[in-house]
Structure formats: structure tokens, C-alpha cells
Amino acid sequence: MAEPGEQLPEEVLALIFRHLPLRDRAAAARVCRSWAAAATCSAVWHDTNISCDSEREGVLPPYLSACLDHIHNLRLEFEPSREPSRRAATQLLTALASRTPGLRGLRLECRGEKPLFDAGRDVLEAVHAICRAARALRHLDLRRLPFTLDDALVLQAARGCPELRSLFLDNGTLVGSVGPDSVLELLEACPQLRALGLHLASLSRTALEALAAPDRAPFALLAVRCACPEDARAPPLPDETWAALRRRHPELAVELELEPALPAESVTRVLQPAVPVAALRLCLSGDTVGPVRFAARHYAATLRALEIRAAASAELDAALELLAARCVGLREVHCFCVVRPSVLHAFRAHCPRLRSYTLKLTREPHPWRPTLVA
């Protein structure tokens, strides 16, 4: 604490104020001139996390409009089923769209349950407004939005945000409404795009070929979610196309998430040997042992994270032991069923880079917590 008559430096106050919710920043700005200067300086707002659940009515205090221009990266949490939280989120996004051309990154996270038959029109309209106004936007993460994302949003991002570096649309929607043609236009309009998250139905051979073009900037991450009926009906992506993409971008990492909606024949089409799978998440209604064995055979050089939700069995244990012996670069493995002790021993013995694991030898109350490797 400062002695009486002394004042903390503005940079120290700014470091403190950046961790406060909006109403407390507003209160700090009313204490004195020096606190007001610190609470409204750009350092407080450059990287901003806002939870609308922690804000009272009037989420936008009067002084905030002068600070919106300083927000470069925003992580915004809200609960769509709570009207005050939702209204605060859309109000803030709309205000950002009308005031700040300098927004660089936007990440939206919904908490709680989505109301039934809620299309999220108000929230998505606010995201559209952001994409129209924020020409300098580089990162847009909508993975935690529970609403159906469509072609119109992708095309708005393509036309309004040419500087995009990452775009994540692989959310938990039950309907896939982003077509391959929209993705192709996005890739053509945003040549610096380095990371992309999509549902499988949104991908096409043409899109992979566009990513493998000689003049394309280095591409680092492709996250593919297979969780809706459209994904199950998606045509196969040829192994040779994946191989060409991998040659063009040797550092490319692919994250695959396979959900119960994907039938066994679709799983076979998705798991191509040439895909450089770095993270594999399996939550299948059918066979899980086959995909684990496939990963052990073909993804030994690239696999870094594995997550499995399946029923316990001796066959699954044997497949996990095989994977542990071959995928020595694994850093995380999380299996949400009981395994035998030899599975745990295999991962500890063969995977020296393992940082955390969830491998339970006896049934425990959920949620299961991972074990961190020292």
C-alpha cells in the first residue's frame, strides 16, 4: 500500500484495473483524476475479458464509450437464457461495431443452456455488425456460440475482414449450414488465414486444394468437427489431397472431433492416413477400438492429444496400450472410462512428453480431474 500522500504509478493502477469488472472500473474512475486516467487508459482495455453475468443493469457505464476504441482483443462471456446477460452482450457488441475500427480479436463464450428454438438472431446480427465494421479483425472465435452459423456470416467475414488470421466456426450446433462454396470464398478473400475451424460438411476437396496453392501463406491449424447429420453425409476427402496439403504446409496440425452422429462408415471416410492429426477426440456411438488402432498405425508422428468417451473393455485397453507404445509424442491423453493398470503404465513408460492424463483405475464420482505430470 502507498503511504499517505503518495500515489501508485499509473501503470500499476492500470495493471490492477484491467482485472476488474466494468462496474468496478466505473467506480474506480470516479475516485479521483489520477484513478480516472488509469481506468480509461489503453493498457486497461487492450486485452479485455468481460463476463456479462457479473455485470448489473447498465453494463455500459457512461465513461465506457470513450474506452471502446482501445479494445483490441475481447473475450465476452454471457448466458443466452438470462435476458439481462444476453442484452448486455448484444449491447456491448453493437456499441463496439459502431465505435471501434481497431478491434483485432473477438471470442464469444456462452454459458448455461440455450433456450429451446432459439436461433440467436440478436447475437448473430451483432456479430454481423462487427464483421462489417472491424476491417482490422484478425481473430474470430465462435466455437462457444450454440446457434447455427450460416453462409451469410461466413461471407460477411470474408468481405468485411480481409486481415483474418483465424476463424473458428466448429461449434456445437445440430445443423450444419455453412456450405463449401462460402468457405472457398473465405479462403480467396483472406489470404493470410492461418487457422480455421469447421464442420466436416463445410470442407471440400476444392478448399483443401486452395489451401495447398503455391502462393498461400503458411497454414497452421485445421479443426474439423463431425457432429451433425450433414457431416455424416459429407463426401470423402481424398487421401492424396490431404497428402498434397501436408507437403505444402509441413507444420500443419489437424484437430478431429468425432461425435455420436457419425456412423461407422463415415468414421472410415474421415480417418485418412495422410491427415496430420495432432488432436483426436472420439465420442462415438459405435466402434471406438478401430479408430484408436487406426490412430496408432497412422498418426504416430503427429498425435499430441487424445480424448476418448467410450465404454470400458479389454479390447479398448489393448488398443490404448498399442497407441501408447507408438505415439510417443503424446502430451495429453484423457479416457473417460475405467482402464486397467497396464494402460496407465504404458503411457507413463512410453510417452516422456506426457503433461496430463485422465486414466482412472477405479470408478470415481464425476467430474474426473486430470492428473498433471511433474
Protein backbone atom coordinates (compact mmCIF):
# COMPACT_ATOMS: atom_id res chain seq x y z
CA MET A 1 0.00 0.00 0.00
CA ALA A 2 1.15 3.52 -0.73
CA GLU A 3 1.97 5.80 2.18
CA PRO A 4 -0.44 8.71 2.89
CA GLY A 5 0.15 11.45 0.34
CA GLU A 6 1.74 9.04 -2.13
CA GLN A 7 0.15 7.78 -5.35
CA LEU A 8 0.68 4.47 -7.11
CA PRO A 9 2.10 4.92 -10.62
CA GLU A 10 -0.49 4.93 -13.40
CA GLU A 11 0.94 1.76 -14.96
CA VAL A 12 0.48 -0.11 -11.65
CA LEU A 13 -3.10 1.14 -11.30
CA ALA A 14 -3.79 0.14 -14.90
CA LEU A 15 -2.49 -3.36 -14.22
CA ILE A 16 -4.94 -3.63 -11.30
CA PHE A 17 -7.91 -2.08 -13.09
CA ARG A 18 -7.67 -4.35 -16.12
CA HIS A 19 -8.78 -7.29 -13.92
CA LEU A 20 -11.91 -5.51 -12.62
CA PRO A 21 -15.46 -5.95 -13.97
CA LEU A 22 -16.96 -2.96 -15.71
CA ARG A 23 -18.93 -1.60 -12.78
CA ASP A 24 -15.79 -1.60 -10.59
CA ARG A 25 -13.77 0.13 -13.31
CA ALA A 26 -16.52 2.74 -13.46
CA ALA A 27 -16.35 3.18 -9.67
CA ALA A 28 -12.56 3.50 -9.78
CA ALA A 29 -12.80 6.15 -12.49
CA ARG A 30 -14.88 8.32 -10.13
CA VAL A 31 -12.40 8.28 -7.22
CA CYS A 32 -10.00 10.99 -8.44
CA ARG A 33 -8.35 12.34 -11.57
CA SER A 34 -5.35 10.00 -11.43
CA TRP A 35 -7.55 6.93 -10.99
CA ALA A 36 -9.81 8.12 -13.81
CA ALA A 37 -6.80 8.47 -16.10
CA ALA A 38 -5.58 4.98 -15.21
CA ALA A 39 -9.05 3.37 -15.54
CA THR A 40 -9.53 4.78 -19.03
CA CYS A 41 -6.04 4.32 -20.46
CA SER A 42 -5.48 1.98 -23.39
CA ALA A 43 -3.42 -0.51 -21.34
CA VAL A 44 -6.54 -1.39 -19.31
CA TRP A 45 -8.60 -2.12 -22.39
CA HIS A 46 -6.16 -3.59 -24.95
CA ASP A 47 -6.94 -7.19 -23.92
CA THR A 48 -10.33 -7.20 -22.23
CA ASN A 49 -12.29 -10.05 -20.62
CA ILE A 50 -15.91 -9.24 -19.82
CA SER A 51 -18.44 -11.52 -18.17
CA CYS A 52 -21.96 -10.17 -18.62
CA ASP A 53 -23.11 -12.43 -15.79
CA SER A 54 -21.09 -10.37 -13.32
CA GLU A 55 -22.45 -7.03 -14.51
CA ARG A 56 -25.55 -5.34 -13.19
CA GLU A 57 -28.09 -3.46 -15.27
CA GLY A 58 -26.46 -0.77 -17.35
CA VAL A 59 -23.45 -2.81 -18.49
CA LEU A 60 -22.18 0.21 -20.41
CA PRO A 61 -21.32 2.96 -17.92
CA PRO A 62 -21.07 6.42 -19.49
CA TYR A 63 -17.27 6.51 -19.44
CA LEU A 64 -17.02 3.20 -21.35
CA SER A 65 -17.85 4.64 -24.77
CA ALA A 66 -14.61 6.62 -24.64
CA CYS A 67 -12.72 3.36 -23.98
CA LEU A 68 -14.16 1.19 -26.75
CA ASP A 69 -11.61 2.48 -29.24
CA HIS A 70 -8.84 1.00 -27.06
CA ILE A 71 -10.23 -2.56 -27.10
CA HIS A 72 -8.12 -4.70 -29.43
CA ASN A 73 -8.92 -8.19 -28.14
CA LEU A 74 -12.22 -9.00 -26.43
CA ARG A 75 -13.32 -12.21 -24.74
CA LEU A 76 -17.01 -11.87 -23.93
CA GLU A 77 -18.96 -14.32 -21.77
CA PHE A 78 -22.73 -14.32 -21.41
CA GLU A 79 -25.63 -16.65 -20.67
CA PRO A 80 -28.18 -16.71 -23.52
CA SER A 81 -31.01 -17.96 -21.30
CA ARG A 82 -30.71 -14.95 -18.96
CA GLU A 83 -32.18 -11.86 -20.58
CA PRO A 84 -30.03 -9.26 -18.73
CA SER A 85 -26.84 -11.14 -19.60
CA ARG A 86 -27.84 -11.56 -23.22
CA ARG A 87 -28.97 -7.95 -23.59
CA ALA A 88 -25.70 -6.72 -22.10
CA ALA A 89 -23.69 -8.82 -24.57
CA THR A 90 -25.58 -7.63 -27.66
CA GLN A 91 -25.49 -4.03 -26.41
CA LEU A 92 -21.72 -4.18 -25.99
CA LEU A 93 -21.14 -5.84 -29.38
CA THR A 94 -23.37 -3.30 -31.12
CA ALA A 95 -21.54 -0.43 -29.42
CA LEU A 96 -18.20 -1.92 -30.46
CA ALA A 97 -19.34 -2.19 -34.07
CA SER A 98 -20.32 1.49 -34.12
CA ARG A 99 -17.22 2.83 -32.36
CA THR A 100 -14.10 0.77 -32.82
CA PRO A 101 -12.45 0.07 -36.16
CA GLY A 102 -9.38 -1.23 -34.32
CA LEU A 103 -10.77 -4.50 -32.93
CA ARG A 104 -8.29 -7.30 -33.63
CA GLY A 105 -9.74 -10.30 -31.84
CA LEU A 106 -13.20 -11.39 -30.68
CA ARG A 107 -14.05 -14.55 -28.75
CA LEU A 108 -17.63 -15.23 -27.66
CA GLU A 109 -18.43 -17.79 -24.97
CA CYS A 110 -21.92 -18.83 -23.94
CA ARG A 111 -22.54 -20.31 -20.51
CA GLY A 112 -25.53 -22.33 -19.37
CA GLU A 113 -28.21 -23.80 -21.61
CA LYS A 114 -29.54 -22.31 -24.82
CA PRO A 115 -33.31 -21.72 -24.76
CA LEU A 116 -35.24 -24.14 -26.96
CA PHE A 117 -35.91 -22.99 -30.54
CA ASP A 118 -33.59 -20.01 -30.04
CA ALA A 119 -31.87 -19.04 -33.28
CA GLY A 120 -29.74 -16.36 -31.60
CA ARG A 121 -30.75 -13.77 -34.16
CA ASP A 122 -29.93 -10.79 -31.93
CA VAL A 123 -26.46 -12.08 -31.09
CA LEU A 124 -25.65 -13.10 -34.66
CA GLU A 125 -26.80 -9.73 -36.00
CA ALA A 126 -24.36 -8.08 -33.60
CA VAL A 127 -21.57 -10.37 -34.90
CA HIS A 128 -22.51 -9.41 -38.47
CA ALA A 129 -22.19 -5.75 -37.49
CA ILE A 130 -18.74 -6.40 -36.04
CA CYS A 131 -17.62 -8.09 -39.26
CA ARG A 132 -18.89 -5.16 -41.32
CA ALA A 133 -17.13 -2.52 -39.21
CA ALA A 134 -13.91 -4.11 -37.92
CA ARG A 135 -11.78 -4.19 -41.05
CA ALA A 136 -8.69 -4.96 -38.99
CA LEU A 137 -10.24 -8.02 -37.29
CA ARG A 138 -7.74 -10.88 -37.28
CA HIS A 139 -9.20 -13.48 -34.92
CA LEU A 140 -12.86 -14.52 -34.61
CA ASP A 141 -13.74 -17.47 -32.37
CA LEU A 142 -17.39 -18.58 -32.33
CA ARG A 143 -16.87 -22.15 -31.11
CA ARG A 144 -18.80 -21.49 -27.92
CA LEU A 145 -21.85 -19.99 -29.61
CA PRO A 146 -24.73 -22.53 -29.51
CA PHE A 147 -26.52 -21.02 -32.52
CA THR A 148 -26.47 -22.22 -36.12
CA LEU A 149 -23.83 -20.36 -38.12
CA ASP A 150 -24.60 -19.91 -41.80
CA ASP A 151 -23.21 -18.85 -45.17
CA ALA A 152 -24.24 -15.22 -44.68
CA LEU A 153 -21.97 -14.88 -41.65
CA VAL A 154 -19.00 -16.50 -43.41
CA LEU A 155 -19.46 -14.30 -46.47
CA GLN A 156 -19.72 -11.19 -44.28
CA ALA A 157 -16.45 -12.15 -42.60
CA ALA A 158 -14.85 -12.78 -46.00
CA ARG A 159 -15.92 -9.42 -47.41
CA GLY A 160 -15.52 -7.31 -44.29
CA CYS A 161 -12.41 -8.77 -42.63
CA PRO A 162 -9.66 -9.32 -45.22
CA GLU A 163 -6.98 -9.42 -42.49
CA LEU A 164 -8.39 -12.54 -40.80
CA ARG A 165 -5.76 -14.90 -39.41
CA SER A 166 -8.07 -17.32 -37.61
CA LEU A 167 -11.77 -18.17 -37.78
CA PHE A 168 -13.43 -20.89 -35.72
CA LEU A 169 -16.96 -21.97 -36.66
CA ASP A 170 -16.80 -25.55 -35.34
CA ASN A 171 -19.47 -25.06 -32.68
CA GLY A 172 -21.98 -27.47 -31.12
CA THR A 173 -24.86 -26.77 -33.48
CA LEU A 174 -27.13 -29.65 -34.51
CA VAL A 175 -27.39 -28.31 -38.07
CA GLY A 176 -24.53 -27.59 -40.45
CA SER A 177 -25.43 -24.53 -42.54
CA VAL A 178 -22.05 -23.36 -43.82
CA GLY A 179 -21.53 -24.61 -47.37
CA PRO A 180 -18.21 -25.41 -49.07
CA ASP A 181 -18.66 -22.57 -51.58
CA SER A 182 -18.73 -19.99 -48.78
CA VAL A 183 -15.57 -21.46 -47.27
CA LEU A 184 -13.85 -21.29 -50.65
CA GLU A 185 -14.78 -17.61 -51.00
CA LEU A 186 -13.45 -17.02 -47.48
CA LEU A 187 -10.11 -18.60 -48.38
CA GLU A 188 -9.84 -16.48 -51.52
CA ALA A 189 -10.74 -13.25 -49.70
CA CYS A 190 -8.49 -13.85 -46.67
CA PRO A 191 -5.06 -14.93 -47.97
CA GLN A 192 -3.43 -14.60 -44.52
CA LEU A 193 -5.77 -17.07 -42.82
CA ARG A 194 -3.66 -19.47 -40.75
CA ALA A 195 -6.23 -21.32 -38.62
CA LEU A 196 -9.72 -22.49 -39.47
CA GLY A 197 -12.34 -24.45 -37.54
CA LEU A 198 -15.24 -26.01 -39.46
CA HIS A 199 -17.75 -28.81 -39.54
CA LEU A 200 -16.79 -31.59 -41.93
CA ALA A 201 -19.69 -30.76 -44.26
CA SER A 202 -18.20 -27.30 -44.84
CA LEU A 203 -14.96 -28.74 -46.21
CA SER A 204 -14.38 -29.81 -49.79
CA ARG A 205 -11.61 -31.10 -51.98
CA THR A 206 -11.52 -27.70 -53.70
CA ALA A 207 -10.98 -25.93 -50.36
CA LEU A 208 -8.07 -28.23 -49.48
CA GLU A 209 -6.57 -27.60 -52.91
CA ALA A 210 -6.93 -23.84 -52.36
CA LEU A 211 -5.07 -24.17 -49.06
CA ALA A 212 -2.32 -26.10 -50.85
CA ALA A 213 -1.86 -23.43 -53.54
CA PRO A 214 1.81 -22.38 -54.01
CA ASP A 215 1.16 -18.73 -53.18
CA ARG A 216 -0.77 -19.48 -49.99
CA ALA A 217 0.57 -18.15 -46.69
CA PRO A 218 1.68 -20.86 -44.21
CA PHE A 219 -1.36 -22.61 -42.79
CA ALA A 220 -1.04 -23.92 -39.23
CA LEU A 221 -4.31 -25.38 -37.87
CA LEU A 222 -7.43 -27.00 -39.26
CA ALA A 223 -10.02 -28.05 -36.67
CA VAL A 224 -12.73 -30.35 -38.05
CA ARG A 225 -15.85 -31.28 -36.09
CA CYS A 226 -18.07 -34.17 -37.18
CA ALA A 227 -21.24 -33.90 -35.14
CA CYS A 228 -24.35 -33.28 -37.27
CA PRO A 229 -26.25 -35.21 -39.98
CA GLU A 230 -24.72 -33.04 -42.72
CA ASP A 231 -21.27 -34.18 -41.58
CA ALA A 232 -22.31 -37.82 -41.86
CA ARG A 233 -23.42 -37.25 -45.46
CA ALA A 234 -20.33 -35.27 -46.49
CA PRO A 235 -18.38 -36.72 -49.44
CA PRO A 236 -14.96 -38.19 -48.66
CA LEU A 237 -11.87 -36.01 -48.92
CA PRO A 238 -9.25 -37.95 -50.92
CA ASP A 239 -6.12 -39.07 -49.15
CA GLU A 240 -3.95 -37.69 -51.96
CA THR A 241 -5.45 -34.23 -51.42
CA TRP A 242 -4.53 -34.37 -47.75
CA ALA A 243 -1.05 -35.54 -48.71
CA ALA A 244 -0.61 -32.56 -51.05
CA LEU A 245 -1.78 -30.17 -48.33
CA ARG A 246 0.65 -31.70 -45.88
CA ARG A 247 3.54 -31.32 -48.31
CA ARG A 248 2.66 -27.66 -48.86
CA HIS A 249 2.33 -26.96 -45.12
CA PRO A 250 4.59 -29.41 -43.24
CA GLU A 251 3.78 -27.73 -39.91
CA LEU A 252 0.01 -28.16 -40.35
CA ALA A 253 -1.85 -29.64 -37.36
CA VAL A 254 -5.34 -31.09 -37.73
CA GLU A 255 -7.77 -31.50 -34.85
CA LEU A 256 -10.53 -34.06 -35.38
CA GLU A 257 -13.61 -34.30 -33.18
CA LEU A 258 -15.93 -37.23 -33.94
CA GLU A 259 -19.34 -37.22 -32.25
CA PRO A 260 -22.08 -39.91 -31.98
CA ALA A 261 -23.95 -38.62 -35.06
CA LEU A 262 -21.14 -40.03 -37.22
CA PRO A 263 -21.84 -43.64 -38.33
CA ALA A 264 -19.06 -46.20 -38.70
CA GLU A 265 -18.76 -45.83 -42.48
CA SER A 266 -18.33 -42.06 -42.12
CA VAL A 267 -15.61 -42.56 -39.49
CA THR A 268 -13.73 -44.67 -42.03
CA ARG A 269 -14.00 -41.87 -44.61
CA VAL A 270 -12.78 -39.21 -42.16
CA LEU A 271 -9.77 -41.04 -40.75
CA GLN A 272 -7.45 -40.81 -43.74
CA PRO A 273 -3.83 -41.97 -43.28
CA ALA A 274 -2.35 -38.75 -44.72
CA VAL A 275 -4.20 -36.39 -42.36
CA PRO A 276 -1.65 -34.89 -39.90
CA VAL A 277 -3.87 -35.41 -36.85
CA ALA A 278 -2.49 -33.66 -33.77
CA ALA A 279 -5.60 -33.91 -31.59
CA LEU A 280 -8.23 -36.66 -31.78
CA ARG A 281 -11.45 -36.57 -29.78
CA LEU A 282 -13.65 -39.66 -30.02
CA CYS A 283 -17.18 -39.80 -28.64
CA LEU A 284 -18.74 -42.39 -30.91
CA SER A 285 -21.91 -44.42 -30.51
CA GLY A 286 -20.30 -47.37 -32.30
CA ASP A 287 -16.82 -48.84 -32.50
CA THR A 288 -14.08 -46.86 -30.76
CA VAL A 289 -11.40 -49.56 -30.72
CA GLY A 290 -10.94 -49.45 -34.51
CA PRO A 291 -10.30 -45.67 -34.63
CA VAL A 292 -7.81 -45.93 -31.74
CA ARG A 293 -5.90 -48.68 -33.54
CA PHE A 294 -6.01 -46.66 -36.76
CA ALA A 295 -4.54 -43.65 -34.93
CA ALA A 296 -1.79 -45.85 -33.50
CA ARG A 297 -0.85 -47.04 -37.00
CA HIS A 298 -1.08 -43.79 -38.96
CA TYR A 299 -0.77 -40.81 -36.57
CA ALA A 300 2.24 -41.91 -34.53
CA ALA A 301 4.37 -39.00 -35.77
CA THR A 302 1.77 -36.25 -35.28
CA LEU A 303 -0.64 -37.15 -32.46
CA ARG A 304 -0.24 -34.94 -29.40
CA ALA A 305 -3.64 -35.17 -27.66
CA LEU A 306 -6.24 -37.93 -27.39
CA GLU A 307 -9.66 -37.81 -25.74
CA ILE A 308 -11.99 -40.81 -25.60
CA ARG A 309 -15.51 -41.21 -24.26
CA ALA A 310 -16.47 -44.85 -24.56
CA ALA A 311 -17.46 -47.93 -22.61
CA ALA A 312 -14.65 -49.78 -20.85
CA SER A 313 -13.49 -53.02 -22.45
CA ALA A 314 -10.44 -55.27 -22.67
CA GLU A 315 -10.24 -54.53 -26.41
CA LEU A 316 -10.11 -50.78 -25.78
CA ASP A 317 -7.42 -51.26 -23.13
CA ALA A 318 -5.31 -53.25 -25.60
CA ALA A 319 -5.76 -50.58 -28.29
CA LEU A 320 -4.71 -47.85 -25.83
CA GLU A 321 -1.57 -49.78 -24.90
CA LEU A 322 -0.70 -50.11 -28.59
CA LEU A 323 -1.24 -46.39 -29.10
CA ALA A 324 0.93 -45.52 -26.10
CA ALA A 325 3.78 -47.62 -27.48
CA ARG A 326 3.64 -45.99 -30.93
CA CYS A 327 2.57 -42.38 -30.29
CA VAL A 328 5.50 -41.41 -28.10
CA GLY A 329 4.99 -37.68 -28.69
CA LEU A 330 1.67 -37.62 -26.82
CA ARG A 331 1.29 -34.76 -24.37
CA GLU A 332 -2.28 -35.37 -23.21
CA VAL A 333 -4.50 -38.43 -23.00
CA HIS A 334 -7.94 -38.36 -21.42
CA CYS A 335 -10.05 -41.51 -21.31
CA PHE A 336 -13.44 -41.17 -19.64
CA CYS A 337 -13.89 -44.82 -18.74
CA VAL A 338 -12.09 -47.08 -16.28
CA VAL A 339 -8.90 -48.67 -17.64
CA ARG A 340 -6.67 -51.43 -16.33
CA PRO A 341 -3.36 -50.54 -14.60
CA SER A 342 -1.28 -51.68 -17.60
CA VAL A 343 -2.79 -48.83 -19.69
CA LEU A 344 -1.59 -46.21 -17.23
CA HIS A 345 1.81 -47.88 -17.03
CA ALA A 346 2.12 -47.93 -20.84
CA PHE A 347 1.52 -44.19 -21.21
CA ARG A 348 3.84 -43.34 -18.33
CA ALA A 349 6.56 -45.61 -19.72
CA HIS A 350 6.41 -44.76 -23.44
CA CYS A 351 5.34 -41.09 -23.57
CA PRO A 352 8.07 -38.96 -21.96
CA ARG A 353 6.38 -35.68 -23.03
CA LEU A 354 3.10 -36.51 -21.30
CA ARG A 355 1.90 -33.43 -19.39
CA SER A 356 -1.53 -34.51 -18.17
CA TYR A 357 -3.75 -37.58 -18.29
CA THR A 358 -7.14 -38.85 -17.19
CA LEU A 359 -6.73 -42.60 -16.73
CA LYS A 360 -8.85 -43.89 -13.85
CA LEU A 361 -8.30 -47.37 -12.47
CA THR A 362 -11.49 -47.34 -10.41
CA ARG A 363 -14.82 -45.64 -10.87
CA GLU A 364 -14.95 -42.22 -9.23
CA PRO A 365 -17.61 -39.52 -8.92
CA HIS A 366 -17.68 -37.12 -11.84
CA PRO A 367 -16.28 -34.73 -12.87
CA TRP A 368 -12.99 -36.56 -13.31
CA ARG A 369 -9.98 -34.33 -12.85
CA PRO A 370 -6.83 -34.83 -14.92
CA THR A 371 -3.53 -35.75 -13.31
CA LEU A 372 -0.70 -33.34 -14.04
CA VAL A 373 2.74 -34.84 -14.74
CA ALA A 374 5.51 -33.05 -12.87
